[in-house]
Amino acid sequence: MPPILAHGALGPFDEIIFLGIAVAFLGMMGVSWLRSQQIDDQAEADPLETDGEHFELE
């Protein structure tokens, strides 16, 4: 398999490591996006409810 994304001393294993890191990063970004969407939905459902840590800015 010719190197496509990365090439170094590890041979084909650096490709696997590079792709694994990319998949992990995209997965973490996806989870972060889903959590932010969930928080936005909760804020829209009851905008007057506060938990003491967050408050609405005017």
PDB file of N, CA and C in Angstrom:
ATOM      1  N   MET A   1       0.844  -1.178   0.000  1.00  0.00           N
ATOM      2  CA  MET A   1       0.000   0.000   0.000  1.00  0.00           C
ATOM      3  C   MET A   1       0.888   1.238   0.000  1.00  0.00           C
ATOM      4  N   PRO A   2       0.748   2.089  -0.995  1.00  0.00           N
ATOM      5  CA  PRO A   2       1.573   3.298  -1.043  1.00  0.00           C
ATOM      6  C   PRO A   2       1.109   4.310  -0.002  1.00  0.00           C
ATOM      7  N   PRO A   3       2.050   5.063   0.565  1.00  0.00           N
ATOM      8  CA  PRO A   3       1.647   6.068   1.550  1.00  0.00           C
ATOM      9  C   PRO A   3       0.807   7.162   0.902  1.00  0.00           C
ATOM     10  N   ILE A   4      -0.291   7.501   1.537  1.00  0.00           N
ATOM     11  CA  ILE A   4      -1.191   8.508   0.986  1.00  0.00           C
ATOM     12  C   ILE A   4      -1.191   9.765   1.853  1.00  0.00           C
ATOM     13  N   LEU A   5      -1.360   9.584   3.156  1.00  0.00           N
ATOM     14  CA  LEU A   5      -1.493  10.730   4.048  1.00  0.00           C
ATOM     15  C   LEU A   5      -0.227  11.025   4.838  1.00  0.00           C
ATOM     16  N   ALA A   6       0.435   9.991   5.283  1.00  0.00           N
ATOM     17  CA  ALA A   6       1.618  10.177   6.118  1.00  0.00           C
ATOM     18  C   ALA A   6       2.656   9.141   5.703  1.00  0.00           C
ATOM     19  N   HIS A   7       3.894   9.469   5.864  1.00  0.00           N
ATOM     20  CA  HIS A   7       4.952   8.507   5.570  1.00  0.00           C
ATOM     21  C   HIS A   7       6.119   8.787   6.497  1.00  0.00           C
ATOM     22  N   GLY A   8       6.588   7.741   7.111  1.00  0.00           N
ATOM     23  CA  GLY A   8       7.668   7.926   8.057  1.00  0.00           C
ATOM     24  C   GLY A   8       8.334   6.604   8.378  1.00  0.00           C
ATOM     25  N   ALA A   9       8.980   6.546   9.519  1.00  0.00           N
ATOM     26  CA  ALA A   9       9.785   5.397   9.894  1.00  0.00           C
ATOM     27  C   ALA A   9       8.944   4.176  10.259  1.00  0.00           C
ATOM     28  N   LEU A  10       7.649   4.357  10.523  1.00  0.00           N
ATOM     29  CA  LEU A  10       6.813   3.232  10.928  1.00  0.00           C
ATOM     30  C   LEU A  10       6.244   2.446   9.748  1.00  0.00           C
ATOM     31  N   GLY A  11       6.478   2.916   8.556  1.00  0.00           N
ATOM     32  CA  GLY A  11       5.944   2.221   7.387  1.00  0.00           C
ATOM     33  C   GLY A  11       4.441   2.392   7.297  1.00  0.00           C
ATOM     34  N   PRO A  12       3.719   1.302   7.044  1.00  0.00           N
ATOM     35  CA  PRO A  12       2.260   1.424   6.897  1.00  0.00           C
ATOM     36  C   PRO A  12       1.551   1.740   8.214  1.00  0.00           C
ATOM     37  N   PHE A  13       2.218   1.522   9.337  1.00  0.00           N
ATOM     38  CA  PHE A  13       1.558   1.754  10.617  1.00  0.00           C
ATOM     39  C   PHE A  13       1.349   3.242  10.902  1.00  0.00           C
ATOM     40  N   ASP A  14       2.171   4.106  10.329  1.00  0.00           N
ATOM     41  CA  ASP A  14       1.945   5.535  10.559  1.00  0.00           C
ATOM     42  C   ASP A  14       0.669   6.000   9.876  1.00  0.00           C
ATOM     43  N   GLU A  15       0.298   5.358   8.768  1.00  0.00           N
ATOM     44  CA  GLU A  15      -0.989   5.655   8.139  1.00  0.00           C
ATOM     45  C   GLU A  15      -2.128   5.297   9.079  1.00  0.00           C
ATOM     46  N   ILE A  16      -2.042   4.134   9.696  1.00  0.00           N
ATOM     47  CA  ILE A  16      -3.088   3.670  10.596  1.00  0.00           C
ATOM     48  C   ILE A  16      -3.185   4.598  11.805  1.00  0.00           C
ATOM     49  N   ILE A  17      -2.051   4.993  12.354  1.00  0.00           N
ATOM     50  CA  ILE A  17      -2.042   5.899  13.500  1.00  0.00           C
ATOM     51  C   ILE A  17      -2.634   7.254  13.109  1.00  0.00           C
ATOM     52  N   PHE A  18      -2.236   7.774  11.959  1.00  0.00           N
ATOM     53  CA  PHE A  18      -2.735   9.066  11.492  1.00  0.00           C
ATOM     54  C   PHE A  18      -4.242   9.022  11.293  1.00  0.00           C
ATOM     55  N   LEU A  19      -4.740   7.991  10.637  1.00  0.00           N
ATOM     56  CA  LEU A  19      -6.175   7.871  10.408  1.00  0.00           C
ATOM     57  C   LEU A  19      -6.928   7.663  11.721  1.00  0.00           C
ATOM     58  N   GLY A  20      -6.341   6.910  12.649  1.00  0.00           N
ATOM     59  CA  GLY A  20      -6.971   6.698  13.950  1.00  0.00           C
ATOM     60  C   GLY A  20      -7.120   7.998  14.717  1.00  0.00           C
ATOM     61  N   ILE A  21      -6.090   8.825  14.690  1.00  0.00           N
ATOM     62  CA  ILE A  21      -6.155  10.126  15.362  1.00  0.00           C
ATOM     63  C   ILE A  21      -7.202  11.012  14.696  1.00  0.00           C
ATOM     64  N   ALA A  22      -7.265  10.975  13.370  1.00  0.00           N
ATOM     65  CA  ALA A  22      -8.262  11.775  12.654  1.00  0.00           C
ATOM     66  C   ALA A  22      -9.674  11.325  13.009  1.00  0.00           C
ATOM     67  N   VAL A  23      -9.910  10.024  13.079  1.00  0.00           N
ATOM     68  CA  VAL A  23     -11.230   9.503  13.438  1.00  0.00           C
ATOM     69  C   VAL A  23     -11.576   9.885  14.877  1.00  0.00           C
ATOM     70  N   ALA A  24     -10.618   9.776  15.785  1.00  0.00           N
ATOM     71  CA  ALA A  24     -10.865  10.146  17.181  1.00  0.00           C
ATOM     72  C   ALA A  24     -11.207  11.635  17.285  1.00  0.00           C
ATOM     73  N   PHE A  25     -10.481  12.472  16.561  1.00  0.00           N
ATOM     74  CA  PHE A  25     -10.739  13.911  16.586  1.00  0.00           C
ATOM     75  C   PHE A  25     -12.134  14.215  16.052  1.00  0.00           C
ATOM     76  N   LEU A  26     -12.489  13.627  14.921  1.00  0.00           N
ATOM     77  CA  LEU A  26     -13.810  13.872  14.356  1.00  0.00           C
ATOM     78  C   LEU A  26     -14.912  13.352  15.279  1.00  0.00           C
ATOM     79  N   GLY A  27     -14.671  12.240  15.933  1.00  0.00           N
ATOM     80  CA  GLY A  27     -15.640  11.706  16.883  1.00  0.00           C
ATOM     81  C   GLY A  27     -15.843  12.643  18.061  1.00  0.00           C
ATOM     82  N   MET A  28     -14.751  13.166  18.602  1.00  0.00           N
ATOM     83  CA  MET A  28     -14.851  14.105  19.723  1.00  0.00           C
ATOM     84  C   MET A  28     -15.571  15.386  19.306  1.00  0.00           C
ATOM     85  N   MET A  29     -15.294  15.863  18.101  1.00  0.00           N
ATOM     86  CA  MET A  29     -15.977  17.063  17.616  1.00  0.00           C
ATOM     87  C   MET A  29     -17.467  16.792  17.425  1.00  0.00           C
ATOM     88  N   GLY A  30     -17.815  15.603  16.953  1.00  0.00           N
ATOM     89  CA  GLY A  30     -19.217  15.233  16.790  1.00  0.00           C
ATOM     90  C   GLY A  30     -19.946  15.179  18.117  1.00  0.00           C
ATOM     91  N   VAL A  31     -19.315  14.582  19.121  1.00  0.00           N
ATOM     92  CA  VAL A  31     -19.918  14.520  20.458  1.00  0.00           C
ATOM     93  C   VAL A  31     -20.087  15.925  21.024  1.00  0.00           C
ATOM     94  N   SER A  32     -19.101  16.772  20.844  1.00  0.00           N
ATOM     95  CA  SER A  32     -19.182  18.154  21.321  1.00  0.00           C
ATOM     96  C   SER A  32     -20.322  18.894  20.634  1.00  0.00           C
ATOM     97  N   TRP A  33     -20.471  18.698  19.341  1.00  0.00           N
ATOM     98  CA  TRP A  33     -21.550  19.352  18.606  1.00  0.00           C
ATOM     99  C   TRP A  33     -22.908  18.865  19.090  1.00  0.00           C
ATOM    100  N   LEU A  34     -23.049  17.551  19.288  1.00  0.00           N
ATOM    101  CA  LEU A  34     -24.318  17.007  19.772  1.00  0.00           C
ATOM    102  C   LEU A  34     -24.662  17.549  21.157  1.00  0.00           C
ATOM    103  N   ARG A  35     -23.658  17.647  22.032  1.00  0.00           N
ATOM    104  CA  ARG A  35     -23.910  18.183  23.380  1.00  0.00           C
ATOM    105  C   ARG A  35     -24.331  19.649  23.305  1.00  0.00           C
ATOM    106  N   SER A  36     -23.707  20.434  22.429  1.00  0.00           N
ATOM    107  CA  SER A  36     -24.079  21.845  22.314  1.00  0.00           C
ATOM    108  C   SER A  36     -25.493  21.982  21.765  1.00  0.00           C
ATOM    109  N   GLN A  37     -25.887  21.104  20.849  1.00  0.00           N
ATOM    110  CA  GLN A  37     -27.251  21.134  20.330  1.00  0.00           C
ATOM    111  C   GLN A  37     -28.251  20.788  21.434  1.00  0.00           C
ATOM    112  N   GLN A  38     -27.900  19.840  22.268  1.00  0.00           N
ATOM    113  CA  GLN A  38     -28.767  19.433  23.360  1.00  0.00           C
ATOM    114  C   GLN A  38     -28.936  20.579  24.365  1.00  0.00           C
ATOM    115  N   ILE A  39     -27.861  21.289  24.665  1.00  0.00           N
ATOM    116  CA  ILE A  39     -27.932  22.416  25.591  1.00  0.00           C
ATOM    117  C   ILE A  39     -28.787  23.528  24.996  1.00  0.00           C
ATOM    118  N   ASP A  40     -28.638  23.807  23.695  1.00  0.00           N
ATOM    119  CA  ASP A  40     -29.443  24.832  23.040  1.00  0.00           C
ATOM    120  C   ASP A  40     -30.922  24.464  23.067  1.00  0.00           C
ATOM    121  N   ASP A  41     -31.237  23.190  22.839  1.00  0.00           N
ATOM    122  CA  ASP A  41     -32.633  22.746  22.864  1.00  0.00           C
ATOM    123  C   ASP A  41     -33.232  22.911  24.252  1.00  0.00           C
ATOM    124  N   GLN A  42     -32.458  22.610  25.288  1.00  0.00           N
ATOM    125  CA  GLN A  42     -32.950  22.773  26.648  1.00  0.00           C
ATOM    126  C   GLN A  42     -33.178  24.244  26.970  1.00  0.00           C
ATOM    127  N   ALA A  43     -32.305  25.104  26.501  1.00  0.00           N
ATOM    128  CA  ALA A  43     -32.441  26.536  26.759  1.00  0.00           C
ATOM    129  C   ALA A  43     -33.674  27.097  26.055  1.00  0.00           C
ATOM    130  N   GLU A  44     -33.974  26.585  24.861  1.00  0.00           N
ATOM    131  CA  GLU A  44     -35.155  27.061  24.146  1.00  0.00           C
ATOM    132  C   GLU A  44     -36.434  26.532  24.784  1.00  0.00           C
ATOM    133  N   ALA A  45     -36.369  25.343  25.380  1.00  0.00           N
ATOM    134  CA  ALA A  45     -37.556  24.746  25.984  1.00  0.00           C
ATOM    135  C   ALA A  45     -38.013  25.540  27.205  1.00  0.00           C
ATOM    136  N   ASP A  46     -37.105  25.997  28.027  1.00  0.00           N
ATOM    137  CA  ASP A  46     -37.450  26.753  29.224  1.00  0.00           C
ATOM    138  C   ASP A  46     -36.399  27.836  29.452  1.00  0.00           C
ATOM    139  N   PRO A  47     -36.521  28.959  28.745  1.00  0.00           N
ATOM    140  CA  PRO A  47     -35.464  29.992  28.840  1.00  0.00           C
ATOM    141  C   PRO A  47     -35.414  30.707  30.179  1.00  0.00           C
ATOM    142  N   LEU A  48     -36.472  30.654  30.988  1.00  0.00           N
ATOM    143  CA  LEU A  48     -36.474  31.370  32.258  1.00  0.00           C
ATOM    144  C   LEU A  48     -35.883  30.564  33.398  1.00  0.00           C
ATOM    145  N   GLU A  49     -35.738  29.264  33.197  1.00  0.00           N
ATOM    146  CA  GLU A  49     -35.188  28.422  34.260  1.00  0.00           C
ATOM    147  C   GLU A  49     -33.673  28.591  34.316  1.00  0.00           C
ATOM    148  N   THR A  50     -33.157  28.858  35.505  1.00  0.00           N
ATOM    149  CA  THR A  50     -31.715  28.976  35.689  1.00  0.00           C
ATOM    150  C   THR A  50     -31.281  27.972  36.732  1.00  0.00           C
ATOM    151  N   ASP A  51     -30.056  27.514  36.612  1.00  0.00           N
ATOM    152  CA  ASP A  51     -29.544  26.536  37.570  1.00  0.00           C
ATOM    153  C   ASP A  51     -28.536  27.148  38.522  1.00  0.00           C
ATOM    154  N   GLY A  52     -28.407  28.458  38.549  1.00  0.00           N
ATOM    155  CA  GLY A  52     -27.494  29.113  39.448  1.00  0.00           C
ATOM    156  C   GLY A  52     -26.115  29.347  38.838  1.00  0.00           C
ATOM    157  N   GLU A  53     -25.765  28.551  37.850  1.00  0.00           N
ATOM    158  CA  GLU A  53     -24.451  28.713  37.222  1.00  0.00           C
ATOM    159  C   GLU A  53     -24.555  29.497  35.916  1.00  0.00           C
ATOM    160  N   HIS A  54     -25.701  29.424  35.268  1.00  0.00           N
ATOM    161  CA  HIS A  54     -25.876  30.085  33.991  1.00  0.00           C
ATOM    162  C   HIS A  54     -27.042  31.067  34.093  1.00  0.00           C
ATOM    163  N   PHE A  55     -26.925  32.171  33.406  1.00  0.00           N
ATOM    164  CA  PHE A  55     -28.009  33.125  33.369  1.00  0.00           C
ATOM    165  C   PHE A  55     -28.036  33.758  31.990  1.00  0.00           C
ATOM    166  N   GLU A  56     -29.178  34.264  31.636  1.00  0.00           N
ATOM    167  CA  GLU A  56     -29.350  34.838  30.323  1.00  0.00           C
ATOM    168  C   GLU A  56     -28.776  36.247  30.275  1.00  0.00           C
ATOM    169  N   LEU A  57     -27.965  36.508  29.286  1.00  0.00           N
ATOM    170  CA  LEU A  57     -27.401  37.846  29.095  1.00  0.00           C
ATOM    171  C   LEU A  57     -28.398  38.703  28.338  1.00  0.00           C
ATOM    172  N   GLU A  58     -28.452  39.971  28.658  1.00  0.00           N
ATOM    173  CA  GLU A  58     -29.382  40.863  27.977  1.00  0.00           C
ATOM    174  C   GLU A  58     -28.677  41.651  26.912  1.00  0.00           C
TER     175      GLU A  58
END
